[in-house]
C-alpha atoms as a PDB file:
ATOM      1  CA  MET A   1       0.000   0.000   0.000  1.00  0.00           C
ATOM      2  CA  SER A   2       1.741   3.128  -1.183  1.00  0.00           C
ATOM      3  CA  ARG A   3      -1.235   5.470  -1.076  1.00  0.00           C
ATOM      4  CA  SER A   4      -1.924   8.092   1.581  1.00  0.00           C
ATOM      5  CA  ILE A   5      -4.423   7.467   4.353  1.00  0.00           C
ATOM      6  CA  ASN A   6      -6.864   9.884   2.686  1.00  0.00           C
ATOM      7  CA  GLN A   7      -6.548   8.049  -0.632  1.00  0.00           C
ATOM      8  CA  PHE A   8      -7.189   4.739   1.107  1.00  0.00           C
ATOM      9  CA  LEU A   9     -10.237   6.121   2.913  1.00  0.00           C
ATOM     10  CA  GLU A  10     -11.577   7.481  -0.388  1.00  0.00           C
ATOM     11  CA  GLN A  11     -11.139   4.029  -1.945  1.00  0.00           C
ATOM     12  CA  VAL A  12     -12.955   2.354   0.945  1.00  0.00           C
ATOM     13  CA  ALA A  13     -15.803   4.884   0.728  1.00  0.00           C
ATOM     14  CA  ARG A  14     -16.172   4.635  -3.065  1.00  0.00           C
ATOM     15  CA  ARG A  15     -19.123   2.545  -4.226  1.00  0.00           C
ATOM     16  CA  GLY A  16     -17.921  -0.470  -6.188  1.00  0.00           C
ATOM     17  CA  SER A  17     -14.454  -0.430  -4.631  1.00  0.00           C
ATOM     18  CA  TRP A  18     -13.010  -3.784  -3.607  1.00  0.00           C
ATOM     19  CA  PHE A  19     -11.360  -2.155  -0.589  1.00  0.00           C
ATOM     20  CA  GLY A  20     -13.667  -2.935   2.309  1.00  0.00           C
ATOM     21  CA  GLY A  21     -13.821  -4.815   5.591  1.00  0.00           C
ATOM     22  CA  GLY A  22     -10.943  -7.186   4.857  1.00  0.00           C
ATOM     23  CA  SER A  23      -8.590  -4.397   3.877  1.00  0.00           C
ATOM     24  CA  VAL A  24      -9.725  -2.357   6.885  1.00  0.00           C
ATOM     25  CA  ALA A  25      -9.096  -5.339   9.200  1.00  0.00           C
ATOM     26  CA  ALA A  26      -5.577  -5.672   7.775  1.00  0.00           C
ATOM     27  CA  LEU A  27      -4.931  -1.943   8.246  1.00  0.00           C
ATOM     28  CA  SER A  28      -6.307  -2.087  11.802  1.00  0.00           C
ATOM     29  CA  THR A  29      -3.919  -4.919  12.608  1.00  0.00           C
ATOM     30  CA  ALA A  30      -1.001  -2.976  11.119  1.00  0.00           C
ATOM     31  CA  LEU A  31      -1.971   0.115  13.143  1.00  0.00           C
ATOM     32  CA  SER A  32      -2.236  -1.952  16.311  1.00  0.00           C
ATOM     33  CA  ALA A  33       1.203  -3.468  15.748  1.00  0.00           C
ATOM     34  CA  ALA A  34       2.725  -0.040  15.021  1.00  0.00           C
ATOM     35  CA  LEU A  35       1.241   1.487  18.160  1.00  0.00           C
ATOM     36  CA  LEU A  36       2.472  -1.360  20.346  1.00  0.00           C
ATOM     37  CA  GLU A  37       5.874  -1.310  18.657  1.00  0.00           C
ATOM     38  CA  LYS A  38       6.221   2.354  19.641  1.00  0.00           C
ATOM     39  CA  LEU A  39       5.538   1.537  23.286  1.00  0.00           C
ATOM     40  CA  LEU A  40       8.172  -1.185  23.645  1.00  0.00           C
ATOM     41  CA  ALA A  41      11.895  -1.038  24.215  1.00  0.00           C
ATOM     42  CA  GLU A  42      12.451  -4.815  23.884  1.00  0.00           C
ATOM     43  CA  SER A  43      13.912  -5.409  20.441  1.00  0.00           C
ATOM     44  CA  THR A  44      12.829  -9.017  19.788  1.00  0.00           C
ATOM     45  CA  LEU A  45       9.142  -8.224  20.273  1.00  0.00           C
ATOM     46  CA  ARG A  46       9.537  -4.970  18.321  1.00  0.00           C
ATOM     47  CA  ARG A  47      11.005  -6.912  15.379  1.00  0.00           C
ATOM     48  CA  GLU A  48       8.117  -9.394  15.486  1.00  0.00           C
ATOM     49  CA  LEU A  49       5.613  -6.529  15.491  1.00  0.00           C
ATOM     50  CA  GLN A  50       7.405  -4.806  12.622  1.00  0.00           C
ATOM     51  CA  HIS A  51       7.213  -8.041  10.613  1.00  0.00           C
ATOM     52  CA  ARG A  52       3.484  -8.395  11.340  1.00  0.00           C
ATOM     53  CA  ARG A  53       2.851  -4.741  10.506  1.00  0.00           C
ATOM     54  CA  GLN A  54       4.598  -5.057   7.143  1.00  0.00           C
ATOM     55  CA  ALA A  55       2.774  -8.302   6.353  1.00  0.00           C
ATOM     56  CA  CYS A  56      -0.582  -6.688   7.099  1.00  0.00           C
ATOM     57  CA  VAL A  57       0.206  -3.706   4.892  1.00  0.00           C
ATOM     58  CA  ARG A  58       0.716  -6.171   2.020  1.00  0.00           C
ATOM     59  CA  LEU A  59      -2.540  -7.925   2.929  1.00  0.00           C
ATOM     60  CA  ILE A  60      -4.512  -4.666   2.487  1.00  0.00           C
ATOM     61  CA  ASP A  61      -4.080  -4.780  -1.290  1.00  0.00           C
ATOM     62  CA  GLU A  62      -4.039  -8.574  -1.473  1.00  0.00           C
ATOM     63  CA  ASP A  63      -7.483  -8.737   0.120  1.00  0.00           C
ATOM     64  CA  ALA A  64      -9.004  -6.348  -2.411  1.00  0.00           C
ATOM     65  CA  THR A  65      -7.311  -8.108  -5.328  1.00  0.00           C
ATOM     66  CA  THR A  66      -8.292 -11.632  -4.327  1.00  0.00           C
ATOM     67  CA  PHE A  67     -11.865 -10.662  -3.527  1.00  0.00           C
ATOM     68  CA  ALA A  68     -12.218  -8.885  -6.881  1.00  0.00           C
ATOM     69  CA  ARG A  69     -11.054 -12.114  -8.550  1.00  0.00           C
ATOM     70  CA  ALA A  70     -13.648 -14.077  -6.585  1.00  0.00           C
ATOM     71  CA  ILE A  71     -16.434 -11.756  -7.713  1.00  0.00           C
ATOM     72  CA  ALA A  72     -15.256 -11.980 -11.332  1.00  0.00           C
ATOM     73  CA  ALA A  73     -15.170 -15.781 -11.051  1.00  0.00           C
ATOM     74  CA  SER A  74     -18.691 -15.840  -9.589  1.00  0.00           C
ATOM     75  CA  ARG A  75     -19.946 -14.283 -12.813  1.00  0.00           C
ATOM     76  CA  THR A  76     -18.535 -17.058 -14.987  1.00  0.00           C
ATOM     77  CA  LYS A  77     -19.958 -20.488 -15.633  1.00  0.00           C
ATOM     78  CA  THR A  78     -16.623 -22.226 -15.045  1.00  0.00           C
ATOM     79  CA  PRO A  79     -17.119 -24.904 -12.347  1.00  0.00           C
ATOM     80  CA  GLY A  80     -14.640 -24.644  -9.523  1.00  0.00           C
ATOM     81  CA  ARG A  81     -13.180 -21.295 -10.552  1.00  0.00           C
ATOM     82  CA  PHE A  82     -15.280 -19.344  -8.077  1.00  0.00           C
ATOM     83  CA  GLN A  83     -14.551 -21.787  -5.256  1.00  0.00           C
ATOM     84  CA  ARG A  84     -10.800 -21.538  -5.858  1.00  0.00           C
ATOM     85  CA  ALA A  85     -10.903 -17.735  -6.043  1.00  0.00           C
ATOM     86  CA  LEU A  86     -13.020 -17.304  -2.913  1.00  0.00           C
ATOM     87  CA  THR A  87     -10.898 -19.845  -1.050  1.00  0.00           C
ATOM     88  CA  GLN A  88      -7.838 -17.735  -1.886  1.00  0.00           C
ATOM     89  CA  ALA A  89      -9.605 -14.575  -0.701  1.00  0.00           C
ATOM     90  CA  THR A  90     -10.554 -16.363   2.512  1.00  0.00           C
ATOM     91  CA  ARG A  91      -6.930 -17.364   3.102  1.00  0.00           C
ATOM     92  CA  VAL A  92      -6.006 -13.674   3.160  1.00  0.00           C
ATOM     93  CA  GLN A  93      -8.414 -13.156   6.050  1.00  0.00           C
ATOM     94  CA  VAL A  94      -7.049 -16.236   7.822  1.00  0.00           C
ATOM     95  CA  HIS A  95      -3.648 -14.506   7.720  1.00  0.00           C
ATOM     96  CA  VAL A  96      -5.123 -11.216   8.941  1.00  0.00           C
ATOM     97  CA  ALA A  97      -6.849 -13.014  11.833  1.00  0.00           C
ATOM     98  CA  ALA A  98      -3.631 -14.807  12.797  1.00  0.00           C
ATOM     99  CA  HIS A  99      -1.648 -11.563  12.797  1.00  0.00           C
ATOM    100  CA  ALA A 100      -4.365  -9.770  14.779  1.00  0.00           C
ATOM    101  CA  LYS A 101      -4.457 -12.532  17.405  1.00  0.00           C
ATOM    102  CA  ALA A 102      -0.664 -12.472  17.677  1.00  0.00           C
ATOM    103  CA  VAL A 103      -0.655  -8.682  18.148  1.00  0.00           C
ATOM    104  CA  ASP A 104      -3.381  -9.004  20.789  1.00  0.00           C
ATOM    105  CA  ALA A 105      -1.279 -11.613  22.604  1.00  0.00           C
ATOM    106  CA  ALA A 106       1.746  -9.298  22.383  1.00  0.00           C
ATOM    107  CA  CYS A 107      -0.377  -6.534  23.939  1.00  0.00           C
ATOM    108  CA  ARG A 108      -1.225  -8.821  26.856  1.00  0.00           C
ATOM    109  CA  ARG A 109       2.459  -9.705  27.330  1.00  0.00           C
ATOM    110  CA  ALA A 110       3.441  -6.024  27.127  1.00  0.00           C
ATOM    111  CA  GLN A 111       1.195  -4.878  29.984  1.00  0.00           C
ATOM    112  CA  ARG A 112       4.007  -5.246  32.519  1.00  0.00           C
ATOM    113  CA  MET A 113       6.558  -3.579  30.221  1.00  0.00           C
ATOM    114  CA  VAL A 114       4.615  -0.448  29.294  1.00  0.00           C
ATOM    115  CA  LYS A 115       4.800   2.566  31.592  1.00  0.00           C
ATOM    116  CA  PRO A 116       1.578   3.404  33.467  1.00  0.00           C
ATOM    117  CA  GLN A 117       1.187   6.733  31.635  1.00  0.00           C
ATOM    118  CA  LEU A 118       1.216   4.865  28.290  1.00  0.00           C
ATOM    119  CA  GLN A 119      -1.269   2.137  29.215  1.00  0.00           C
ATOM    120  CA  SER A 120      -4.053   3.982  27.375  1.00  0.00           C
ATOM    121  CA  ASP A 121      -2.139   3.577  24.095  1.00  0.00           C
ATOM    122  CA  LEU A 122      -1.626  -0.085  24.943  1.00  0.00           C
ATOM    123  CA  ARG A 123      -5.371  -0.517  25.492  1.00  0.00           C
ATOM    124  CA  CYS A 124      -6.008   1.228  22.165  1.00  0.00           C
ATOM    125  CA  ALA A 125      -3.577  -1.144  20.400  1.00  0.00           C
ATOM    126  CA  ARG A 126      -5.276  -4.122  21.990  1.00  0.00           C
ATOM    127  CA  GLY A 127      -8.754  -2.889  21.063  1.00  0.00           C
ATOM    128  CA  LEU A 128      -7.691  -2.463  17.431  1.00  0.00           C
ATOM    129  CA  ALA A 129      -6.191  -5.958  17.346  1.00  0.00           C
ATOM    130  CA  GLN A 130      -9.315  -7.501  18.854  1.00  0.00           C
ATOM    131  CA  ALA A 131     -11.614  -5.652  16.455  1.00  0.00           C
ATOM    132  CA  ALA A 132      -9.470  -6.701  13.488  1.00  0.00           C
ATOM    133  CA  ALA A 133      -9.519 -10.350  14.588  1.00  0.00           C
ATOM    134  CA  ALA A 134     -13.303 -10.259  15.040  1.00  0.00           C
ATOM    135  CA  ALA A 135     -13.795  -8.660  11.613  1.00  0.00           C
ATOM    136  CA  ALA A 136     -11.501 -11.165   9.896  1.00  0.00           C
ATOM    137  CA  HIS A 137     -13.322 -14.091  11.534  1.00  0.00           C
ATOM    138  CA  MET A 138     -16.690 -12.705  10.445  1.00  0.00           C
ATOM    139  CA  LEU A 139     -15.437 -12.410   6.851  1.00  0.00           C
ATOM    140  CA  ILE A 140     -14.034 -15.947   6.960  1.00  0.00           C
ATOM    141  CA  GLU A 141     -17.383 -17.326   8.143  1.00  0.00           C
ATOM    142  CA  THR A 142     -19.273 -15.285   5.527  1.00  0.00           C
ATOM    143  CA  ASN A 143     -17.033 -16.616   2.757  1.00  0.00           C
ATOM    144  CA  ARG A 144     -17.313 -20.208   3.996  1.00  0.00           C
ATOM    145  CA  ALA A 145     -21.104 -19.940   4.066  1.00  0.00           C
ATOM    146  CA  TRP A 146     -21.018 -18.515   0.549  1.00  0.00           C
ATOM    147  CA  LEU A 147     -18.882 -21.440  -0.591  1.00  0.00           C
ATOM    148  CA  ARG A 148     -21.368 -23.899   0.920  1.00  0.00           C
ATOM    149  CA  ARG A 149     -24.307 -22.122  -0.779  1.00  0.00           C
ATOM    150  CA  THR A 150     -22.651 -22.251  -4.192  1.00  0.00           C
ATOM    151  CA  GLY A 151     -22.286 -26.008  -4.100  1.00  0.00           C
ATOM    152  CA  GLY A 152     -18.569 -26.356  -4.529  1.00  0.00           C
ATOM    153  CA  GLY A 153     -17.928 -23.531  -6.923  1.00  0.00           C
ATOM    154  CA  ARG A 154     -20.943 -23.473  -9.216  1.00  0.00           C
ATOM    155  CA  SER A 155     -22.233 -19.993  -9.795  1.00  0.00           C
ATOM    156  CA  SER A 156     -25.173 -19.183  -7.558  1.00  0.00           C
ATOM    157  CA  SER A 157     -28.413 -18.007  -9.134  1.00  0.00           C
ATOM    158  CA  ARG A 158     -28.682 -15.458  -6.311  1.00  0.00           C
ATOM    159  CA  ARG A 159     -25.982 -12.860  -6.481  1.00  0.00           C
ATOM    160  CA  PRO A 160     -24.615 -12.393  -2.951  1.00  0.00           C
ATOM    161  CA  THR A 161     -24.388  -8.991  -1.429  1.00  0.00           C
ATOM    162  CA  ARG A 162     -20.934  -7.431  -1.505  1.00  0.00           C
ATOM    163  CA  ARG A 163     -18.979  -8.422   1.559  1.00  0.00           C
ATOM    164  CA  SER A 164     -16.547  -5.763   2.724  1.00  0.00           C
ATOM    165  CA  ALA A 165     -13.272  -6.945   1.234  1.00  0.00           C
END
């Protein structure tokens, strides 16, 4: 993601954009990791958080791209194509959820390390990580239900509502 925050927000707000809930969950995880990273002096945990932050920044665009492919595949009559594409999009959210859970766990471990006057930032980081994990899990369940409804990749006669990517 090389765009500014305002550009990203405009993309999320634009009707028809593939940037939605999945990309926002990835950004929330990256923000959580960055905020916690700032609060810590311990270098091993900081390096882990930096790695997770960078991975989630990549997942912002990957989510939108893979979900756009899934929607395109849902409009074809090619058996299995949609299932493969949506499965790939779901894997992105599995990664987001894993990173968010790991950042939340790091927040719990950091409680003793963070100065009392900075605990509010720590609670903010933890809240972001928890919200991102919850959002990613909701998207995973939505996609899995969609896969079940489509009968293993056949195009559904009912077009599903746009899930937030």
